[in-house]
Amino acid sequence: MDFTSLAQVRTRIDELDNQLVALIAERGKCVKAAAAFKTDDAEVRAPDRVQQVVALARRRASEHGLPEEIIESVYRAMIGAFIDYELRQHQQLTQQKSRTDAPA
């Protein structure tokens, strides 16, 4: 893409950021859904899965000419935030289930 001004660059960044936020929100819905399938905090944290996702992101970054360190940093921050979110979701689901299962 050829830019002729900083304003054009910033406009394009804003457009991309809008798309990224929409995609991250969609990812968040998947994370929330995943919480229902997990039985404990260890399954939520899933360090092996984290490594798998980061490794795949690094390969994809390389294919697109982006330094792998940048995407790893972004992904680790995003995954960390989503793990915290999923832990809260999992805790809420566990509490709801225990209230539902409790004798009346």
C-alpha atoms as a PDB file:
ATOM      1  CA  MET A   1       0.000   0.000   0.000  1.00  0.00           C
ATOM      2  CA  ASP A   2       1.400   3.384  -0.951  1.00  0.00           C
ATOM      3  CA  PHE A   3       0.805   6.163   1.535  1.00  0.00           C
ATOM      4  CA  THR A   4       1.260   9.814   0.782  1.00  0.00           C
ATOM      5  CA  SER A   5       0.744  11.149   4.298  1.00  0.00           C
ATOM      6  CA  LEU A   6       0.911  10.248   7.959  1.00  0.00           C
ATOM      7  CA  ALA A   7      -2.836  10.844   8.152  1.00  0.00           C
ATOM      8  CA  GLN A   8      -3.408   8.060   5.618  1.00  0.00           C
ATOM      9  CA  VAL A   9      -1.189   5.708   7.580  1.00  0.00           C
ATOM     10  CA  ARG A  10      -3.066   6.491  10.779  1.00  0.00           C
ATOM     11  CA  THR A  11      -6.430   6.037   9.081  1.00  0.00           C
ATOM     12  CA  ARG A  12      -5.359   2.615   7.857  1.00  0.00           C
ATOM     13  CA  ILE A  13      -4.059   1.671  11.313  1.00  0.00           C
ATOM     14  CA  ASP A  14      -7.421   2.698  12.794  1.00  0.00           C
ATOM     15  CA  GLU A  15      -9.223   0.508  10.245  1.00  0.00           C
ATOM     16  CA  LEU A  16      -6.985  -2.440  11.042  1.00  0.00           C
ATOM     17  CA  ASP A  17      -7.395  -1.891  14.777  1.00  0.00           C
ATOM     18  CA  ASN A  18     -11.165  -2.004  14.337  1.00  0.00           C
ATOM     19  CA  GLN A  19     -10.845  -5.370  12.571  1.00  0.00           C
ATOM     20  CA  LEU A  20      -8.446  -6.674  15.221  1.00  0.00           C
ATOM     21  CA  VAL A  21     -10.787  -5.719  18.057  1.00  0.00           C
ATOM     22  CA  ALA A  22     -13.679  -7.497  16.321  1.00  0.00           C
ATOM     23  CA  LEU A  23     -11.549 -10.632  15.866  1.00  0.00           C
ATOM     24  CA  ILE A  24     -10.296 -10.538  19.450  1.00  0.00           C
ATOM     25  CA  ALA A  25     -13.883 -10.177  20.665  1.00  0.00           C
ATOM     26  CA  GLU A  26     -14.810 -13.253  18.630  1.00  0.00           C
ATOM     27  CA  ARG A  27     -11.843 -15.095  20.128  1.00  0.00           C
ATOM     28  CA  GLY A  28     -13.145 -14.077  23.551  1.00  0.00           C
ATOM     29  CA  LYS A  29     -16.480 -15.743  22.828  1.00  0.00           C
ATOM     30  CA  CYS A  30     -14.624 -18.949  21.970  1.00  0.00           C
ATOM     31  CA  VAL A  31     -12.596 -18.715  25.179  1.00  0.00           C
ATOM     32  CA  LYS A  32     -15.785 -18.272  27.191  1.00  0.00           C
ATOM     33  CA  ALA A  33     -17.301 -21.324  25.502  1.00  0.00           C
ATOM     34  CA  ALA A  34     -14.139 -23.359  26.144  1.00  0.00           C
ATOM     35  CA  ALA A  35     -14.424 -22.720  29.884  1.00  0.00           C
ATOM     36  CA  ALA A  36     -17.530 -24.915  29.981  1.00  0.00           C
ATOM     37  CA  PHE A  37     -15.556 -27.931  28.738  1.00  0.00           C
ATOM     38  CA  LYS A  38     -12.720 -27.690  31.238  1.00  0.00           C
ATOM     39  CA  THR A  39     -12.786 -29.336  34.643  1.00  0.00           C
ATOM     40  CA  ASP A  40     -10.162 -27.356  36.565  1.00  0.00           C
ATOM     41  CA  ASP A  41      -7.749 -24.419  36.530  1.00  0.00           C
ATOM     42  CA  ALA A  42      -4.928 -26.556  35.126  1.00  0.00           C
ATOM     43  CA  GLU A  43      -6.995 -27.268  32.034  1.00  0.00           C
ATOM     44  CA  VAL A  44      -7.687 -23.554  31.683  1.00  0.00           C
ATOM     45  CA  ARG A  45      -4.008 -22.652  31.953  1.00  0.00           C
ATOM     46  CA  ALA A  46      -2.987 -25.431  29.504  1.00  0.00           C
ATOM     47  CA  PRO A  47       0.712 -24.502  29.155  1.00  0.00           C
ATOM     48  CA  ASP A  48       1.259 -27.043  26.374  1.00  0.00           C
ATOM     49  CA  ARG A  49      -1.582 -25.489  24.373  1.00  0.00           C
ATOM     50  CA  VAL A  50      -0.162 -22.007  24.995  1.00  0.00           C
ATOM     51  CA  GLN A  51       3.200 -23.118  23.597  1.00  0.00           C
ATOM     52  CA  GLN A  52       1.483 -24.685  20.583  1.00  0.00           C
ATOM     53  CA  VAL A  53      -0.484 -21.499  19.820  1.00  0.00           C
ATOM     54  CA  VAL A  54       2.587 -19.263  20.245  1.00  0.00           C
ATOM     55  CA  ALA A  55       4.711 -21.504  18.018  1.00  0.00           C
ATOM     56  CA  LEU A  56       2.070 -21.440  15.293  1.00  0.00           C
ATOM     57  CA  ALA A  57       1.758 -17.659  15.565  1.00  0.00           C
ATOM     58  CA  ARG A  58       5.540 -17.319  15.262  1.00  0.00           C
ATOM     59  CA  ARG A  59       5.556 -19.431  12.077  1.00  0.00           C
ATOM     60  CA  ARG A  60       2.710 -17.395  10.600  1.00  0.00           C
ATOM     61  CA  ALA A  61       4.444 -14.141  11.514  1.00  0.00           C
ATOM     62  CA  SER A  62       7.583 -15.281   9.760  1.00  0.00           C
ATOM     63  CA  GLU A  63       5.565 -16.158   6.644  1.00  0.00           C
ATOM     64  CA  HIS A  64       4.192 -12.600   6.624  1.00  0.00           C
ATOM     65  CA  GLY A  65       7.542 -10.920   7.184  1.00  0.00           C
ATOM     66  CA  LEU A  66       6.811  -9.910  10.774  1.00  0.00           C
ATOM     67  CA  PRO A  67       9.541 -10.448  13.359  1.00  0.00           C
ATOM     68  CA  GLU A  68       8.598 -13.500  15.408  1.00  0.00           C
ATOM     69  CA  GLU A  69       9.454 -11.710  18.668  1.00  0.00           C
ATOM     70  CA  ILE A  70       6.717  -9.139  18.058  1.00  0.00           C
ATOM     71  CA  ILE A  71       3.969 -11.680  17.499  1.00  0.00           C
ATOM     72  CA  GLU A  72       5.144 -13.793  20.436  1.00  0.00           C
ATOM     73  CA  SER A  73       4.980 -10.783  22.730  1.00  0.00           C
ATOM     74  CA  VAL A  74       1.510  -9.850  21.462  1.00  0.00           C
ATOM     75  CA  TYR A  75       0.234 -13.419  21.723  1.00  0.00           C
ATOM     76  CA  ARG A  76       1.631 -14.028  25.194  1.00  0.00           C
ATOM     77  CA  ALA A  77      -0.036 -10.837  26.442  1.00  0.00           C
ATOM     78  CA  MET A  78      -3.324 -11.736  24.739  1.00  0.00           C
ATOM     79  CA  ILE A  79      -3.262 -15.346  25.925  1.00  0.00           C
ATOM     80  CA  GLY A  80      -2.423 -14.256  29.476  1.00  0.00           C
ATOM     81  CA  ALA A  81      -5.381 -11.885  29.500  1.00  0.00           C
ATOM     82  CA  PHE A  82      -7.659 -14.571  28.089  1.00  0.00           C
ATOM     83  CA  ILE A  83      -6.471 -17.142  30.633  1.00  0.00           C
ATOM     84  CA  ASP A  84      -7.421 -14.711  33.398  1.00  0.00           C
ATOM     85  CA  TYR A  85     -10.799 -14.168  31.711  1.00  0.00           C
ATOM     86  CA  GLU A  86     -11.352 -17.902  31.237  1.00  0.00           C
ATOM     87  CA  LEU A  87     -10.436 -18.626  34.854  1.00  0.00           C
ATOM     88  CA  ARG A  88     -13.138 -16.167  35.941  1.00  0.00           C
ATOM     89  CA  GLN A  89     -15.623 -17.754  33.520  1.00  0.00           C
ATOM     90  CA  HIS A  90     -14.715 -21.238  34.724  1.00  0.00           C
ATOM     91  CA  GLN A  91     -15.102 -20.174  38.360  1.00  0.00           C
ATOM     92  CA  GLN A  92     -18.545 -18.707  37.666  1.00  0.00           C
ATOM     93  CA  LEU A  93     -19.658 -21.858  35.855  1.00  0.00           C
ATOM     94  CA  THR A  94     -18.365 -24.038  38.698  1.00  0.00           C
ATOM     95  CA  GLN A  95     -20.221 -21.933  41.271  1.00  0.00           C
ATOM     96  CA  GLN A  96     -23.434 -22.049  39.231  1.00  0.00           C
ATOM     97  CA  LYS A  97     -23.137 -25.815  38.846  1.00  0.00           C
ATOM     98  CA  SER A  98     -22.528 -26.350  42.563  1.00  0.00           C
ATOM     99  CA  ARG A  99     -25.623 -24.265  43.408  1.00  0.00           C
ATOM    100  CA  THR A 100     -27.682 -26.249  40.919  1.00  0.00           C
ATOM    101  CA  ASP A 101     -26.365 -29.581  42.216  1.00  0.00           C
ATOM    102  CA  ALA A 102     -26.802 -28.682  45.899  1.00  0.00           C
ATOM    103  CA  PRO A 103     -29.653 -30.425  47.699  1.00  0.00           C
ATOM    104  CA  ALA A 104     -32.665 -28.220  48.332  1.00  0.00           C
END
